[in-house]
Protein backbone atom coordinates (compact mmCIF):
# COMPACT_ATOMS: atom_id res chain seq x y z
CA MET A 1 72.86 40.13 31.36
CA SER A 2 73.92 43.02 33.58
CA PRO A 3 75.95 42.27 36.70
CA SER A 4 74.13 42.31 40.03
CA THR A 5 74.65 44.99 42.66
CA PHE A 6 76.52 42.56 44.89
CA ILE A 7 79.46 40.28 44.17
CA LYS A 8 79.72 36.86 45.85
CA ALA A 9 82.73 34.87 47.00
CA ASP A 10 82.79 32.57 43.97
CA GLU A 11 83.06 35.57 41.63
CA VAL A 12 85.75 37.20 43.79
CA ALA A 13 87.71 33.94 43.85
CA ALA A 14 87.54 33.53 40.07
CA ASP A 15 88.32 37.19 39.42
CA LEU A 16 91.39 37.24 41.68
CA GLY A 17 92.52 33.64 41.16
CA ILE A 18 92.22 32.75 44.86
CA SER A 19 90.41 30.12 46.90
CA ILE A 20 86.78 30.57 47.88
CA PRO A 21 87.58 30.55 51.65
CA TYR A 22 90.10 33.37 51.10
CA ALA A 23 87.52 35.26 49.02
CA TYR A 24 85.12 35.05 51.98
CA LYS A 25 87.87 36.47 54.21
CA ILE A 26 88.32 39.42 51.85
CA ILE A 27 84.56 40.01 51.70
CA ARG A 28 84.36 39.95 55.52
CA LYS A 29 87.10 42.58 55.70
CA MET A 30 85.40 44.85 53.17
CA ASN A 31 82.05 44.42 54.93
CA CYS A 32 83.67 45.41 58.26
CA GLU A 33 85.02 48.56 56.62
CA LEU A 34 81.58 49.36 55.24
CA GLU A 35 79.90 48.72 58.61
CA GLU A 36 82.35 51.06 60.32
CA SER A 37 81.32 53.71 57.79
CA GLY A 38 77.67 53.19 58.75
CA PHE A 39 76.52 51.05 55.82
CA MET A 40 74.32 47.98 56.03
CA VAL A 41 76.00 44.80 54.78
CA ILE A 42 74.98 41.31 53.71
CA PRO A 43 77.24 38.49 54.93
CA GLY A 44 78.97 36.68 52.08
CA ARG A 45 78.35 39.49 49.60
CA VAL A 46 79.83 42.91 49.07
CA SER A 47 78.88 45.85 46.90
CA ARG A 48 80.30 45.33 43.41
CA ARG A 49 81.08 49.04 43.21
CA TYR A 50 83.04 48.98 46.49
CA TYR A 51 84.91 45.83 45.42
CA GLU A 52 85.92 47.40 42.11
CA GLU A 53 87.07 50.59 43.83
CA LYS A 54 89.17 48.64 46.35
CA PHE A 55 90.84 46.33 43.84
CA TYR A 56 90.96 48.30 40.64
CA GLY A 57 90.75 51.90 41.84
CA LEU A 58 87.76 52.50 39.63
CA SER A 59 85.76 55.58 40.39
CA LYS A 60 82.22 56.24 39.24
CA ALA A 61 83.44 58.53 36.44
CA VAL A 62 85.71 55.81 35.02
CA ARG A 63 82.99 53.11 35.10
CA GLU A 64 80.55 55.32 33.20
CA ARG A 65 82.88 55.76 30.21
């Protein structure tokens, strides 16, 4: 099964080893950054691509390998 376009708080929490409330806080921060850049956001979810770039520094070229 391929991962969805968006990542939710429970996945962020498990991935980073943090609590779900703190994962929501991180998602809110990333969504604010995206909104300031003019993107539409969904509360409680963030673009998986943006999340991976912020936490792992993965660019599109690296993910495609």
